[in-house]
N, C-alpha and C. Protein backbone atom coordinates (compact mmCIF):
# COMPACT_ATOMS: atom_id res chain seq x y z
N UNK A 1 0.86 -1.09 -0.19
CA UNK A 1 0.12 0.21 -0.05
C UNK A 1 0.68 1.34 -0.24
N UNK A 2 0.69 2.20 -0.47
CA UNK A 2 1.03 3.86 -0.54
C UNK A 2 0.08 4.42 0.16
N UNK A 3 0.60 5.47 0.82
CA UNK A 3 0.08 6.18 1.44
C UNK A 3 0.50 7.66 0.86
N UNK A 4 -0.69 8.33 0.88
CA UNK A 4 -0.05 9.68 0.62
C UNK A 4 -0.94 10.90 1.37
N UNK A 5 0.38 11.78 2.19
CA UNK A 5 -0.40 12.92 2.72
C UNK A 5 -0.64 13.71 1.86
N UNK A 6 -2.03 13.73 1.58
CA UNK A 6 -2.49 14.47 0.08
C UNK A 6 -2.77 16.17 0.33
N UNK A 7 -2.83 16.33 1.80
CA UNK A 7 -2.89 17.84 1.78
C UNK A 7 -1.91 18.50 1.25
N UNK A 8 -1.94 19.63 0.68
CA UNK A 8 -0.49 20.21 0.26
C UNK A 8 0.35 19.25 -0.72
N UNK A 9 0.45 18.07 -1.00
CA UNK A 9 1.26 17.43 -1.89
C UNK A 9 1.55 17.76 -3.44
N UNK A 10 2.37 18.01 -3.83
CA UNK A 10 2.51 18.45 -5.20
C UNK A 10 2.91 17.33 -6.01
N UNK A 11 2.75 16.11 -5.54
CA UNK A 11 3.01 14.97 -6.56
C UNK A 11 2.14 14.00 -6.25
N UNK A 12 0.75 14.36 -6.32
CA UNK A 12 -0.26 13.42 -5.89
C UNK A 12 -0.47 12.69 -7.57
N UNK A 13 -0.51 13.12 -8.51
CA UNK A 13 -0.59 12.44 -9.88
C UNK A 13 0.57 11.54 -10.43
N UNK A 14 1.81 11.86 -9.57
CA UNK A 14 3.28 11.07 -9.74
C UNK A 14 2.79 9.92 -9.04
N UNK A 15 2.65 10.12 -7.96
CA UNK A 15 2.20 8.91 -7.01
C UNK A 15 1.08 7.82 -7.47
N UNK A 16 -0.21 8.41 -8.04
CA UNK A 16 -0.93 7.59 -8.51
C UNK A 16 -0.42 6.73 -10.03
N UNK A 17 0.60 7.49 -10.47
CA UNK A 17 1.00 6.87 -11.81
C UNK A 17 1.66 5.53 -11.01
N UNK A 18 2.78 5.96 -10.57
CA UNK A 18 4.00 4.75 -10.22
C UNK A 18 2.73 3.85 -9.14
N UNK A 19 1.73 4.13 -8.44
CA UNK A 19 0.90 3.06 -8.22
C UNK A 19 0.23 1.88 -9.03
N UNK A 20 -0.25 2.86 -10.45
CA UNK A 20 -1.12 2.13 -11.26
C UNK A 20 0.02 1.44 -11.94
N UNK A 21 1.30 1.91 -12.27
CA UNK A 21 2.18 1.11 -13.28
C UNK A 21 2.77 -0.36 -12.25
N UNK A 22 2.72 -0.28 -10.98
CA UNK A 22 3.26 -1.06 -10.14
C UNK A 22 1.69 -2.10 -9.64
N UNK A 23 0.28 -1.73 -9.97
CA UNK A 23 -0.67 -2.18 -9.41
C UNK A 23 -0.53 -2.68 -7.62
N UNK A 24 -0.58 -1.11 -7.55
CA UNK A 24 -0.29 -1.28 -6.10
C UNK A 24 -1.50 -0.19 -5.57
N UNK A 25 -2.26 -0.79 -4.24
CA UNK A 25 -3.51 0.41 -3.94
C UNK A 25 -2.42 1.45 -3.32
N UNK A 26 -3.36 2.73 -3.83
CA UNK A 26 -3.26 3.62 -3.06
C UNK A 26 -3.94 4.45 -2.45
N UNK A 27 -3.46 4.88 -1.17
CA UNK A 27 -4.74 5.84 -0.12
C UNK A 27 -4.28 7.34 -0.27
N UNK A 28 -5.23 8.22 -0.73
CA UNK A 28 -5.10 9.68 -1.00
C UNK A 28 -5.61 10.29 0.58
N UNK A 29 -4.49 10.57 1.70
CA UNK A 29 -5.63 11.29 2.90
C UNK A 29 -5.31 12.73 2.98
N UNK A 30 -6.69 13.37 3.22
CA UNK A 30 -6.84 14.65 3.20
C UNK A 30 -7.76 15.16 4.13
N UNK A 31 -7.52 16.20 4.63
CA UNK A 31 -9.07 16.92 5.31
C UNK A 31 -10.25 16.86 4.58
N UNK A 32 -9.95 17.01 3.05
CA UNK A 32 -10.98 17.20 2.00
C UNK A 32 -10.47 18.19 0.79
N UNK A 33 -11.49 18.46 0.16
CA UNK A 33 -11.49 19.69 -0.48
C UNK A 33 -10.43 18.63 -1.88
N UNK A 34 -10.00 17.45 -2.11
CA UNK A 34 -9.37 16.77 -2.75
C UNK A 34 -10.81 15.88 -4.12
N UNK A 35 -10.77 15.85 -5.27
CA UNK A 35 -11.77 15.39 -6.14
C UNK A 35 -10.96 13.65 -6.09
N UNK A 36 -12.48 12.85 -6.11
CA UNK A 36 -11.78 11.38 -6.10
C UNK A 36 -11.48 11.17 -7.36
N UNK A 37 -10.71 10.17 -7.45
CA UNK A 37 -9.61 9.70 -8.70
C UNK A 37 -10.89 8.48 -9.07
N UNK A 38 -10.95 8.55 -10.47
CA UNK A 38 -11.87 7.03 -11.16
C UNK A 38 -10.76 6.32 -10.96
N UNK A 39 -9.53 6.06 -10.80
CA UNK A 39 -8.64 4.97 -10.87
C UNK A 39 -9.00 4.14 -9.91
N UNK A 40 -9.54 3.07 -10.15
CA UNK A 40 -9.86 1.77 -9.03
C UNK A 40 -8.80 1.63 -8.03
N UNK A 41 -7.69 1.78 -8.05
CA UNK A 41 -6.67 1.45 -7.13
C UNK A 41 -6.63 2.73 -6.14
N UNK A 42 -7.09 3.82 -6.28
CA UNK A 42 -6.83 4.93 -5.43
C UNK A 42 -8.19 4.87 -4.80
N UNK A 43 -8.18 5.06 -3.58
CA UNK A 43 -9.06 5.24 -2.44
C UNK A 43 -8.74 6.52 -1.91
N UNK A 44 -9.58 7.65 -1.84
CA UNK A 44 -9.79 8.73 -1.15
C UNK A 44 -10.30 8.47 0.20
N UNK A 45 -9.27 9.39 1.32
CA UNK A 45 -9.60 9.00 2.72
C UNK A 45 -9.57 10.41 3.21
N UNK A 46 -10.85 10.73 3.55
CA UNK A 46 -11.35 11.76 4.15
C UNK A 46 -11.30 11.93 5.98
N UNK A 47 -10.12 12.94 6.53
CA UNK A 47 -10.46 12.64 7.77
C UNK A 47 -10.90 13.73 8.33
N UNK A 48 -11.33 13.98 9.82
CA UNK A 48 -11.84 14.86 10.25
C UNK A 48 -11.08 16.17 10.30
N UNK A 49 -11.21 17.33 9.86
CA UNK A 49 -10.38 18.62 10.22
C UNK A 49 -9.99 18.83 11.89
N UNK A 50 -8.92 19.31 11.53
CA UNK A 50 -8.14 19.17 12.87
C UNK A 50 -6.73 19.29 12.64
N UNK A 51 -5.60 19.43 13.41
CA UNK A 51 -4.52 19.28 13.66
C UNK A 51 -3.84 18.04 13.36
N UNK A 52 -2.95 17.76 12.28
CA UNK A 52 -2.28 16.54 12.21
C UNK A 52 -3.36 14.74 11.87
N UNK A 53 -4.72 15.19 11.58
CA UNK A 53 -5.58 14.08 11.61
C UNK A 53 -5.04 13.45 10.77
N UNK A 54 -4.61 13.61 9.58
CA UNK A 54 -3.90 12.97 8.44
C UNK A 54 -2.78 12.35 8.85
N UNK A 55 -2.16 12.75 9.27
CA UNK A 55 -0.81 12.08 10.20
C UNK A 55 -1.32 10.85 10.91
N UNK A 56 -2.26 11.24 11.62
CA UNK A 56 -2.45 10.11 12.51
C UNK A 56 -3.14 8.76 11.84
N UNK A 57 -3.73 9.21 10.69
CA UNK A 57 -4.55 8.14 10.28
C UNK A 57 -3.64 7.30 9.55
N UNK A 58 -2.18 7.74 9.01
CA UNK A 58 -1.27 7.00 8.26
C UNK A 58 -0.51 6.70 9.15
N UNK A 59 -0.18 6.80 10.33
CA UNK A 59 0.58 6.64 11.21
C UNK A 59 0.53 5.48 11.50
N UNK A 60 -0.93 5.35 12.31
CA UNK A 60 -2.09 4.00 12.75
C UNK A 60 -2.05 2.77 11.31
N UNK A 61 -1.46 3.20 10.51
CA UNK A 61 -1.67 2.05 9.43
C UNK A 61 -0.53 1.45 9.03
N UNK A 62 0.56 2.44 8.38
CA UNK A 62 1.59 2.31 7.88
C UNK A 62 2.84 1.39 8.47
N UNK A 63 3.12 0.45 7.94
CA UNK A 63 4.04 -0.92 8.46
C UNK A 63 5.06 -1.32 7.62
N UNK A 64 5.87 -2.36 7.73
CA UNK A 64 6.56 -3.01 6.81
C UNK A 64 5.83 -3.63 5.70
N UNK A 65 6.18 -3.09 4.29
CA UNK A 65 5.81 -3.21 3.15
C UNK A 65 4.58 -2.32 2.38
N UNK A 66 4.68 -1.07 3.52
CA UNK A 66 4.29 -0.01 2.86
C UNK A 66 4.80 1.07 2.52
N UNK A 67 4.71 2.07 1.62
CA UNK A 67 5.32 3.29 1.31
C UNK A 67 4.44 4.62 1.80
N UNK A 68 4.99 5.72 2.45
CA UNK A 68 4.41 6.68 2.81
C UNK A 68 5.10 7.41 1.97
N UNK A 69 4.16 8.56 1.47
CA UNK A 69 4.46 9.94 0.72
C UNK A 69 4.20 11.31 1.43
N UNK A 70 5.39 11.64 2.36
CA UNK A 70 5.06 12.79 3.00
C UNK A 70 6.05 14.01 3.20
N UNK A 71 6.04 15.24 3.21
CA UNK A 71 6.69 16.00 3.65
C UNK A 71 7.09 16.30 5.24
N UNK A 72 5.93 15.70 5.67
CA UNK A 72 6.03 15.98 7.03
C UNK A 72 7.20 15.28 8.32
N UNK A 73 8.00 15.76 8.70
CA UNK A 73 9.22 14.98 9.29
C UNK A 73 8.73 14.18 10.50
N UNK A 74 7.62 14.57 11.29
CA UNK A 74 7.53 13.95 12.47
C UNK A 74 6.31 12.59 11.87
N UNK A 75 5.96 12.96 11.01
CA UNK A 75 4.86 11.67 10.68
C UNK A 75 6.17 10.73 9.95
N UNK A 76 6.90 10.99 8.85
CA UNK A 76 7.75 10.58 8.75
C UNK A 76 8.94 9.27 9.32
N UNK A 77 8.85 10.30 10.48
CA UNK A 77 9.75 9.29 11.57
C UNK A 77 9.23 8.41 12.13
N UNK A 78 7.71 8.29 12.42
CA UNK A 78 6.88 7.64 13.21
C UNK A 78 6.47 6.31 12.17
N UNK A 79 6.88 6.40 10.66
CA UNK A 79 6.25 5.68 10.22
C UNK A 79 7.50 4.72 9.69
N UNK A 80 8.98 5.73 9.54
CA UNK A 80 9.66 4.72 9.52
C UNK A 80 10.21 3.84 10.45
N UNK A 81 9.74 4.28 11.84
CA UNK A 81 9.95 3.76 13.37
C UNK A 81 9.12 2.04 13.08
N UNK A 82 7.77 2.27 11.95
CA UNK A 82 7.03 1.36 12.15
C UNK A 82 7.31 0.51 10.96
N UNK A 83 8.50 0.52 10.65
CA UNK A 83 8.83 -0.07 9.46
C UNK A 83 8.37 -0.26 7.94
N UNK A 84 7.33 1.25 7.85
CA UNK A 84 7.74 1.36 6.26
C UNK A 84 8.81 1.98 5.79
N UNK A 85 8.63 2.55 4.23
CA UNK A 85 9.55 3.19 3.65
C UNK A 85 9.16 4.07 3.48
N UNK A 86 9.76 5.58 3.70
CA UNK A 86 9.34 7.02 3.45
C UNK A 86 9.86 7.62 2.09
N UNK A 87 9.09 8.41 1.76
CA UNK A 87 9.88 9.48 0.28
C UNK A 87 9.22 10.47 0.47
N UNK A 88 10.03 11.47 0.64
CA UNK A 88 9.49 13.01 0.41
C UNK A 88 9.19 13.41 -0.86
N UNK A 89 8.58 14.57 -0.81
CA UNK A 89 8.24 15.24 -2.30
C UNK A 89 9.36 15.07 -3.40
N UNK A 90 10.11 15.43 -3.01
CA UNK A 90 11.76 15.66 -3.82
C UNK A 90 12.45 14.14 -4.20
N UNK A 91 11.84 12.84 -3.72
CA UNK A 91 12.04 11.73 -4.08
C UNK A 91 13.28 11.17 -2.99
N UNK A 92 13.40 11.93 -2.15
CA UNK A 92 14.60 11.55 -1.02
C UNK A 92 13.84 10.65 -0.11
N UNK A 93 14.67 9.40 -0.07
CA UNK A 93 14.03 8.53 1.25
C UNK A 93 14.53 8.58 2.67
N UNK A 94 13.59 8.90 3.45
CA UNK A 94 13.81 8.39 5.17
C UNK A 94 13.75 7.75 5.72
N UNK A 95 15.18 7.42 6.01
CA UNK A 95 15.67 5.90 6.47
C UNK A 95 15.42 5.83 8.66
N UNK A 96 16.07 4.90 8.49
CA UNK A 96 16.32 4.95 10.04
C UNK A 96 17.48 5.93 10.37
N UNK A 97 18.45 5.83 9.46
CA UNK A 97 19.73 6.54 9.48
C UNK A 97 19.95 7.88 9.06
N UNK A 98 18.68 8.51 8.77
CA UNK A 98 18.51 9.88 8.00
C UNK A 98 17.75 10.43 8.86
N UNK A 99 16.43 10.15 9.25
CA UNK A 99 15.33 10.43 9.87
C UNK A 99 15.62 11.52 11.15
N UNK A 100 16.76 10.90 11.98
CA UNK A 100 16.95 11.40 13.25
C UNK A 100 17.27 12.78 12.85
N UNK A 101 18.49 13.15 11.79
CA UNK A 101 19.15 14.36 11.38
C UNK A 101 17.74 15.05 10.91
N UNK A 102 16.80 14.52 10.20
CA UNK A 102 15.63 15.58 9.68
C UNK A 102 14.87 15.90 10.31
N UNK A 103 14.78 15.54 11.61
CA UNK A 103 13.66 16.06 12.68
C UNK A 103 14.65 17.17 13.24
N UNK A 104 15.93 17.02 13.49
CA UNK A 104 16.96 17.75 14.20
C UNK A 104 17.10 19.18 13.71
N UNK A 105 17.10 18.80 11.97
CA UNK A 105 17.20 20.19 11.09
C UNK A 105 15.91 20.70 10.80
N UNK A 106 14.84 20.28 11.17
CA UNK A 106 13.37 20.82 11.18
C UNK A 106 13.43 21.65 12.65
N UNK A 107 13.69 20.62 13.28
CA UNK A 107 13.21 21.64 14.89
C UNK A 107 14.31 23.03 14.49
N UNK A 108 15.41 22.80 14.65
CA UNK A 108 16.38 24.04 14.32
C UNK A 108 16.17 25.26 13.67
N UNK A 109 15.32 24.52 12.18
CA UNK A 109 14.62 26.01 11.41
C UNK A 109 13.52 26.30 11.99
N UNK A 110 12.93 25.73 12.47
CA UNK A 110 11.59 26.28 13.17
C UNK A 110 12.00 27.25 14.12
N UNK A 111 13.16 27.09 15.34
CA UNK A 111 13.76 28.01 15.92
C UNK A 111 14.15 29.21 15.27
N UNK A 112 14.89 28.91 14.22
CA UNK A 112 15.64 30.09 13.60
C UNK A 112 14.59 31.19 13.14
N UNK A 113 13.37 30.51 12.99
CA UNK A 113 12.33 31.28 12.18
C UNK A 113 11.53 32.16 13.41
N UNK A 114 11.38 31.14 13.96
CA UNK A 114 10.71 32.36 15.28
C UNK A 114 11.44 33.39 15.90
N UNK A 115 12.78 33.21 15.99
CA UNK A 115 13.94 33.90 16.42
C UNK A 115 13.68 35.39 15.73
N UNK A 116 13.85 35.27 14.07
CA UNK A 116 13.74 36.17 13.11
C UNK A 116 12.27 36.47 12.23
N UNK A 117 11.22 36.93 12.68
CA UNK A 117 9.94 37.02 12.07
C UNK A 117 10.52 37.15 10.42
N UNK A 118 11.14 37.76 10.24
CA UNK A 118 11.30 38.36 8.83
C UNK A 118 11.99 37.31 8.17
N UNK A 119 12.72 36.10 8.26
CA UNK A 119 13.17 35.07 7.78
C UNK A 119 12.28 34.20 7.49
N UNK A 120 11.01 34.24 6.53
CA UNK A 120 10.27 33.13 6.72
C UNK A 120 10.42 32.38 5.12
N UNK A 121 10.17 30.95 4.94
CA UNK A 121 10.12 30.17 4.03
C UNK A 121 10.25 30.98 2.67
N UNK A 122 9.70 30.45 1.53
CA UNK A 122 10.35 31.14 0.42
C UNK A 122 11.39 30.17 -0.56
N UNK A 123 10.83 28.64 -0.55
CA UNK A 123 12.00 28.03 -1.17
C UNK A 123 11.37 28.50 -2.79
N UNK A 124 12.70 27.59 -3.88
CA UNK A 124 12.23 27.80 -4.67
C UNK A 124 10.89 26.68 -5.38
N UNK A 125 10.63 27.20 -6.67
CA UNK A 125 9.38 26.39 -7.10
C UNK A 125 9.64 24.97 -7.27
N UNK A 126 8.59 24.32 -7.39
CA UNK A 126 8.65 22.67 -7.13
C UNK A 126 8.89 22.45 -9.27
N UNK A 127 10.36 21.71 -9.84
CA UNK A 127 10.23 21.68 -11.26
C UNK A 127 9.71 20.55 -11.75
N UNK A 128 10.20 20.21 -13.15
CA UNK A 128 9.61 19.02 -13.56
C UNK A 128 10.55 18.26 -13.25
N UNK A 129 12.17 18.46 -13.25
CA UNK A 129 13.19 17.73 -12.58
C UNK A 129 12.88 17.08 -11.09
N UNK A 130 12.38 18.14 -10.49
CA UNK A 130 11.72 17.32 -8.80
C UNK A 130 10.79 16.49 -9.13
N UNK A 131 9.74 16.65 -10.06
CA UNK A 131 8.97 15.46 -10.22
C UNK A 131 9.52 14.42 -10.54
N UNK A 132 10.40 14.35 -11.27
CA UNK A 132 10.69 13.00 -12.04
C UNK A 132 11.45 12.59 -10.82
N UNK A 133 12.74 13.30 -10.07
CA UNK A 133 12.98 12.78 -9.04
C UNK A 133 12.47 11.81 -8.19
N UNK A 134 11.36 12.81 -7.70
CA UNK A 134 10.32 11.81 -6.99
C UNK A 134 9.62 11.01 -7.31
N UNK A 135 9.44 10.72 -8.99
CA UNK A 135 9.09 9.65 -9.37
C UNK A 135 9.82 8.42 -9.23
N UNK A 136 11.35 8.59 -9.53
CA UNK A 136 12.39 7.58 -9.27
C UNK A 136 12.18 6.92 -8.22
N UNK A 137 12.12 8.01 -7.30
CA UNK A 137 12.31 7.70 -5.75
C UNK A 137 11.05 7.12 -4.88
N UNK A 138 9.96 6.78 -5.44
CA UNK A 138 8.67 6.51 -4.85
C UNK A 138 8.90 5.35 -5.66
N UNK A 139 9.52 5.19 -6.96
CA UNK A 139 9.73 3.65 -7.74
C UNK A 139 10.51 2.53 -6.79
N UNK A 140 11.48 3.36 -6.53
CA UNK A 140 12.79 2.69 -5.63
C UNK A 140 12.16 2.07 -4.74
N UNK A 141 11.63 2.81 -3.80
CA UNK A 141 10.83 2.60 -2.37
C UNK A 141 10.18 1.69 -2.81
N UNK A 142 9.37 1.81 -3.51
CA UNK A 142 8.19 0.58 -3.53
C UNK A 142 8.66 -0.55 -4.06
N UNK A 143 9.47 -0.75 -4.87
CA UNK A 143 10.48 -1.98 -5.10
C UNK A 143 10.63 -2.46 -3.68
N UNK A 144 11.36 -1.53 -3.13
CA UNK A 144 12.05 -2.16 -1.96
C UNK A 144 11.04 -2.83 -0.89
N UNK A 145 10.03 -1.75 -0.76
CA UNK A 145 8.87 -2.52 0.31
C UNK A 145 8.03 -3.69 -0.31
N UNK A 146 8.03 -3.79 -1.43
CA UNK A 146 7.42 -5.38 -1.73
C UNK A 146 8.27 -6.36 -1.59
N UNK A 147 9.67 -5.93 -2.02
CA UNK A 147 10.40 -6.79 -1.54
C UNK A 147 10.40 -7.59 -0.16
N UNK A 148 10.24 -6.09 0.84
CA UNK A 148 10.06 -6.38 2.69
C UNK A 148 8.67 -7.01 2.43
N UNK A 149 7.68 -7.29 1.99
CA UNK A 149 6.58 -7.87 2.26
C UNK A 149 6.44 -9.24 1.66
N UNK A 150 7.52 -9.56 0.99
CA UNK A 150 7.60 -10.91 0.41
C UNK A 150 8.74 -11.82 1.52
N UNK A 151 9.28 -10.86 1.63
CA UNK A 151 10.27 -11.72 3.13
C UNK A 151 9.55 -11.93 4.63
N UNK A 152 8.58 -10.59 4.49
CA UNK A 152 7.87 -10.61 6.15
C UNK A 152 7.04 -11.21 6.05
C-alpha cells in the first residue's frame, strides 16, 4: 500500500501513476477538498478537520511493506519506526539512518524562524526535474517495500 499525505502534496498525480504501473493500492489521505480519482487502485480517505488528523490516520496503519509519501518529518519518523518506507516530495528517502537528522534540522529551522520573523520560507518552485526525482524515488522505495513484504 502507498499512503500519501495528500494535503498540500505537489506530487499526487505522480504517486498515482507509479501505483498504477505497479498495480499497488494507494490511499490519498486528506482533510477534504480533493476530487476522487476514477482509478480503482486509488482510495480517497477524508479525515476530520484538525491538526495532524491525516498524519495520525497514516501513522496508525503504515508498516512493513508500505510506502508513505510525505513532507511531514514527524510523520515520517513514526512511519520509519513502524517499518514503512518513506519518500519525501523530492524523492529523497527517509530511513532509520537519516530521519533523526531530518527531525533535528526541522526543529532547528523552526527555532530560527521563530527568532527572526523576517526570515520566513520562500523556497524555490517545484520543477519537472523535482517531479522526475520523486517518481524515481517512489519507484525505488516501492520495489524495496514489495521485497520487504515478500520476506515478512
